[in-house]
Amino acid sequence: MDKQLMLAWIEAGTIQIPHLLMNKYRQIGLDEKELVLLLHIISFAEKGNEFPTPEQLAHRMTMTSEECAMMLRKLVQAGFIQIEDQSKDGVGFEKYSLAPLWLKLIDDIEREQKQANVETALMEEQNLYTLFEQEFGRPLSPLECESMAMWIDQDKHDPVLIKAALRESVMSGKLNFRYIDRILFEWKKNGIVTLEQARVQALKFRQKTNKPDQKPVQSSNAVPFYNWLEQ
């Protein structure tokens, strides 16, 4: 084994290539040649050369210096890299900044997350309509659909709480939209934002209706419930 060769290989170092860049370069509008050019810019920067010339880049690639220059201009114009003016010890110089590239990757992640959130919300909303129709035993009327849409879009009620309010109305034997709307109104007024908080408040209300001197209820199904419409 040639120790000097191994030593030269180790001292040449390595470059860190973000997995995100390898996975997303196509989605953000880069092709393979542009990707490799950017990787060479990263490689030069790690060796202390933050503004490699087209000739230096072409020496490593299968493109001419003119083609490298054109691609650099394209990357700058497309907002993947930018040229920054720097100074050190009173000497001015230029460098390539890849901050725009990283920001594009971050924006793409945010876009995907928002899309995933929208799809999840649509799925939850669809499941909500299905659940209501199952409990009511019929298709919802246009007015009922509009009421539910207002709960979600205008009042910003969490679908989980809407389901809980539906469950409360079913258990109370008052299955109608007016009753459910009143439950949601009371929860919002009292700052109820989680399912656990809704359960605690509902339990408190039921305990109020079950007085201490009241005889035990024989049927296990007869559970006292709070009449939300009396609020």
Foldseek 3Di string as FASTA:
>chain_A
DPVVVVVVVVVLPDFDDDPLCVVCVVVLPDDPVLSVLVVVCRSCVVVPRQDDQLCVSVVVDVDHSVVSVVSVVVCCVSQQWHKDWDDDPRRIDIGIDRVSNVVSSVVVVVVVVVVVVVVVVVVLVVVLQVVLCVLVVHHDDPVVVVLVVCVCPPVVADSVVLVVLQVQCVLQVNRDPVQSVLLVVVCVVVVNRDPVSSVVVFVVQQVVVQDPPDDDDPDPSDGGGHRSVVD
